[in-house]
Structures are given as C-alpha cells and as structure tokens.
Amino acid sequence: MPLRSLNGKIDNEPIINKLGQAVHYAVRALAVLMTLVILWGVIDVQIVIATALMAISRKIIVLDFKEVDAEYVWASAAVIIALGVTYWLIAFKQKEALTDS
C-alpha cells in the first residue's frame, strides 16, 4: 500500500512506505492493547472518555469552518454530545455507588 502525496514525490520512496506501514500497524496494535487494558480494568474508563472528549474538543477549536463540510461539523458535534453523555453517565454511576456504600 504506497503512500499518497499531494506532489507525488513520496509515492516512489520504499523506505517511507515501509515506515508508513510500520506506523499503521503500530497504531492498530496500540488500539487493540488500549481496548484490552480498558476491558481488564487497569485504567479507569472515565479517564479515557475525558481524554477523548478533550481531543475532539481541541480538534473543533482549531477547525477551519470555511474548509470543512457541514456533515463533518454535525458528525463532530454528535461525537462530542455522545462522549459528554457517556462521561456524565459514568460519573453519575460512580457518585451513586459512593452514596450507596
């Protein structure tokens, strides 16, 4: 899978293509590892949701609204709302568990 570039100069560089593939597979492996860590309960899910919420919020802050389509803005808004509701539900459940104890 060769890399695509705007000027076509990187397409024919085998070292760059191999490094790109290595990064691609490393990101996939890290995603699987992160999922397993969350499922095993090593990291608090609330921290992961908060990090994702901060990341998408940062992306929206630096977004150039003249360059993107309306669908992208609506999809980003849906992701922010979903993450916000998820964070609130997890925090509410933890608060409720503390008051019951």
C-alpha atoms as a PDB file:
ATOM      1  CA  MET A   1       0.000   0.000   0.000  1.00  0.00           C
ATOM      2  CA  PRO A   2       2.007   3.013  -1.192  1.00  0.00           C
ATOM      3  CA  LEU A   3       1.540   6.355   0.499  1.00  0.00           C
ATOM      4  CA  ARG A   4      -0.332   9.051  -1.354  1.00  0.00           C
ATOM      5  CA  SER A   5       1.020  12.563  -1.503  1.00  0.00           C
ATOM      6  CA  LEU A   6      -0.050  15.855  -2.971  1.00  0.00           C
ATOM      7  CA  ASN A   7       3.017  16.298  -5.130  1.00  0.00           C
ATOM      8  CA  GLY A   8       3.691  12.626  -5.974  1.00  0.00           C
ATOM      9  CA  LYS A   9       7.291  12.590  -4.720  1.00  0.00           C
ATOM     10  CA  ILE A  10       6.773  10.296  -1.725  1.00  0.00           C
ATOM     11  CA  ASP A  11       4.951   7.574  -3.656  1.00  0.00           C
ATOM     12  CA  ASN A  12       8.138   6.042  -5.010  1.00  0.00           C
ATOM     13  CA  GLU A  13      10.173   6.050  -1.770  1.00  0.00           C
ATOM     14  CA  PRO A  14      10.286   2.450  -0.436  1.00  0.00           C
ATOM     15  CA  ILE A  15      11.736   3.415   2.956  1.00  0.00           C
ATOM     16  CA  ILE A  16       8.996   5.979   3.576  1.00  0.00           C
ATOM     17  CA  ASN A  17       6.365   3.446   2.505  1.00  0.00           C
ATOM     18  CA  LYS A  18       7.760   0.799   4.888  1.00  0.00           C
ATOM     19  CA  LEU A  19       7.886   3.304   7.764  1.00  0.00           C
ATOM     20  CA  GLY A  20       4.312   4.330   6.984  1.00  0.00           C
ATOM     21  CA  GLN A  21       3.205   0.710   7.109  1.00  0.00           C
ATOM     22  CA  ALA A  22       5.075   0.175  10.382  1.00  0.00           C
ATOM     23  CA  VAL A  23       3.352   3.188  11.940  1.00  0.00           C
ATOM     24  CA  HIS A  24      -0.008   1.995  10.603  1.00  0.00           C
ATOM     25  CA  TYR A  25       0.345  -1.444  12.203  1.00  0.00           C
ATOM     26  CA  ALA A  26       1.761   0.011  15.428  1.00  0.00           C
ATOM     27  CA  VAL A  27      -1.289   2.259  15.794  1.00  0.00           C
ATOM     28  CA  ARG A  28      -3.577  -0.728  15.243  1.00  0.00           C
ATOM     29  CA  ALA A  29      -1.683  -2.775  17.836  1.00  0.00           C
ATOM     30  CA  LEU A  30      -1.851   0.078  20.337  1.00  0.00           C
ATOM     31  CA  ALA A  31      -5.591   0.432  19.761  1.00  0.00           C
ATOM     32  CA  VAL A  32      -6.119  -3.264  20.491  1.00  0.00           C
ATOM     33  CA  LEU A  33      -3.873  -3.045  23.547  1.00  0.00           C
ATOM     34  CA  MET A  34      -5.731   0.018  24.840  1.00  0.00           C
ATOM     35  CA  THR A  35      -9.052  -1.783  24.413  1.00  0.00           C
ATOM     36  CA  LEU A  36      -7.765  -4.767  26.382  1.00  0.00           C
ATOM     37  CA  VAL A  37      -6.430  -2.517  29.141  1.00  0.00           C
ATOM     38  CA  ILE A  38      -9.827  -0.831  29.450  1.00  0.00           C
ATOM     39  CA  LEU A  39     -11.659  -4.159  29.480  1.00  0.00           C
ATOM     40  CA  TRP A  40      -9.328  -5.582  32.139  1.00  0.00           C
ATOM     41  CA  GLY A  41      -9.997  -2.527  34.305  1.00  0.00           C
ATOM     42  CA  VAL A  42      -6.409  -1.349  34.593  1.00  0.00           C
ATOM     43  CA  ILE A  43      -7.324   2.194  33.515  1.00  0.00           C
ATOM     44  CA  ASP A  44     -10.459   3.958  34.667  1.00  0.00           C
ATOM     45  CA  VAL A  45     -12.886   4.311  31.766  1.00  0.00           C
ATOM     46  CA  GLN A  46     -13.795   7.829  32.876  1.00  0.00           C
ATOM     47  CA  ILE A  47     -10.217   8.966  32.204  1.00  0.00           C
ATOM     48  CA  VAL A  48     -10.324   7.502  28.701  1.00  0.00           C
ATOM     49  CA  ILE A  49     -13.655   9.187  27.937  1.00  0.00           C
ATOM     50  CA  ALA A  50     -12.381  12.515  29.303  1.00  0.00           C
ATOM     51  CA  THR A  51      -9.245  12.258  27.162  1.00  0.00           C
ATOM     52  CA  ALA A  52     -11.303  11.532  24.051  1.00  0.00           C
ATOM     53  CA  LEU A  53     -13.605  14.451  24.865  1.00  0.00           C
ATOM     54  CA  MET A  54     -10.636  16.797  25.235  1.00  0.00           C
ATOM     55  CA  ALA A  55      -9.112  15.544  21.974  1.00  0.00           C
ATOM     56  CA  ILE A  56     -12.248  16.074  19.885  1.00  0.00           C
ATOM     57  CA  SER A  57     -12.863  19.428  21.561  1.00  0.00           C
ATOM     58  CA  ARG A  58      -9.341  20.534  20.668  1.00  0.00           C
ATOM     59  CA  LYS A  59      -9.967  19.444  17.087  1.00  0.00           C
ATOM     60  CA  ILE A  60     -13.111  21.577  16.964  1.00  0.00           C
ATOM     61  CA  ILE A  61     -11.288  24.586  18.415  1.00  0.00           C
ATOM     62  CA  VAL A  62      -8.663  24.540  15.647  1.00  0.00           C
ATOM     63  CA  LEU A  63     -11.169  23.619  12.908  1.00  0.00           C
ATOM     64  CA  ASP A  64     -11.395  25.981   9.943  1.00  0.00           C
ATOM     65  CA  PHE A  65     -15.127  26.121   9.289  1.00  0.00           C
ATOM     66  CA  LYS A  66     -14.585  27.597   5.826  1.00  0.00           C
ATOM     67  CA  GLU A  67     -12.705  24.455   4.751  1.00  0.00           C
ATOM     68  CA  VAL A  68     -14.979  21.647   6.042  1.00  0.00           C
ATOM     69  CA  ASP A  69     -18.412  20.447   5.044  1.00  0.00           C
ATOM     70  CA  ALA A  70     -21.475  20.784   7.228  1.00  0.00           C
ATOM     71  CA  GLU A  71     -21.666  16.991   7.590  1.00  0.00           C
ATOM     72  CA  TYR A  72     -18.240  16.946   9.245  1.00  0.00           C
ATOM     73  CA  VAL A  73     -19.308  19.623  11.723  1.00  0.00           C
ATOM     74  CA  TRP A  74     -22.544  17.774  12.540  1.00  0.00           C
ATOM     75  CA  ALA A  75     -20.697  14.476  12.949  1.00  0.00           C
ATOM     76  CA  SER A  76     -18.160  16.119  15.268  1.00  0.00           C
ATOM     77  CA  ALA A  77     -20.996  17.634  17.284  1.00  0.00           C
ATOM     78  CA  ALA A  78     -22.621  14.202  17.584  1.00  0.00           C
ATOM     79  CA  VAL A  79     -19.348  12.696  18.833  1.00  0.00           C
ATOM     80  CA  ILE A  80     -18.960  15.466  21.432  1.00  0.00           C
ATOM     81  CA  ILE A  81     -22.533  15.018  22.642  1.00  0.00           C
ATOM     82  CA  ALA A  82     -22.141  11.221  22.822  1.00  0.00           C
ATOM     83  CA  LEU A  83     -18.883  11.493  24.757  1.00  0.00           C
ATOM     84  CA  GLY A  84     -20.366  14.113  27.080  1.00  0.00           C
ATOM     85  CA  VAL A  85     -23.399  11.962  27.849  1.00  0.00           C
ATOM     86  CA  THR A  86     -21.166   8.920  28.355  1.00  0.00           C
ATOM     87  CA  TYR A  87     -18.922  10.849  30.747  1.00  0.00           C
ATOM     88  CA  TRP A  88     -21.951  12.128  32.682  1.00  0.00           C
ATOM     89  CA  LEU A  89     -23.463   8.625  32.939  1.00  0.00           C
ATOM     90  CA  ILE A  90     -20.208   7.136  34.225  1.00  0.00           C
ATOM     91  CA  ALA A  91     -19.729   9.968  36.741  1.00  0.00           C
ATOM     92  CA  PHE A  92     -23.364   9.640  37.875  1.00  0.00           C
ATOM     93  CA  LYS A  93     -22.990   5.883  38.333  1.00  0.00           C
ATOM     94  CA  GLN A  94     -19.782   6.302  40.344  1.00  0.00           C
ATOM     95  CA  LYS A  95     -21.368   9.009  42.518  1.00  0.00           C
ATOM     96  CA  GLU A  96     -24.401   6.801  43.104  1.00  0.00           C
ATOM     97  CA  ALA A  97     -22.161   3.859  44.044  1.00  0.00           C
ATOM     98  CA  LEU A  98     -20.315   6.029  46.576  1.00  0.00           C
ATOM     99  CA  THR A  99     -23.535   7.203  48.247  1.00  0.00           C
ATOM    100  CA  ASP A 100     -24.876   3.638  48.492  1.00  0.00           C
ATOM    101  CA  SER A 101     -21.751   2.404  50.269  1.00  0.00           C
END
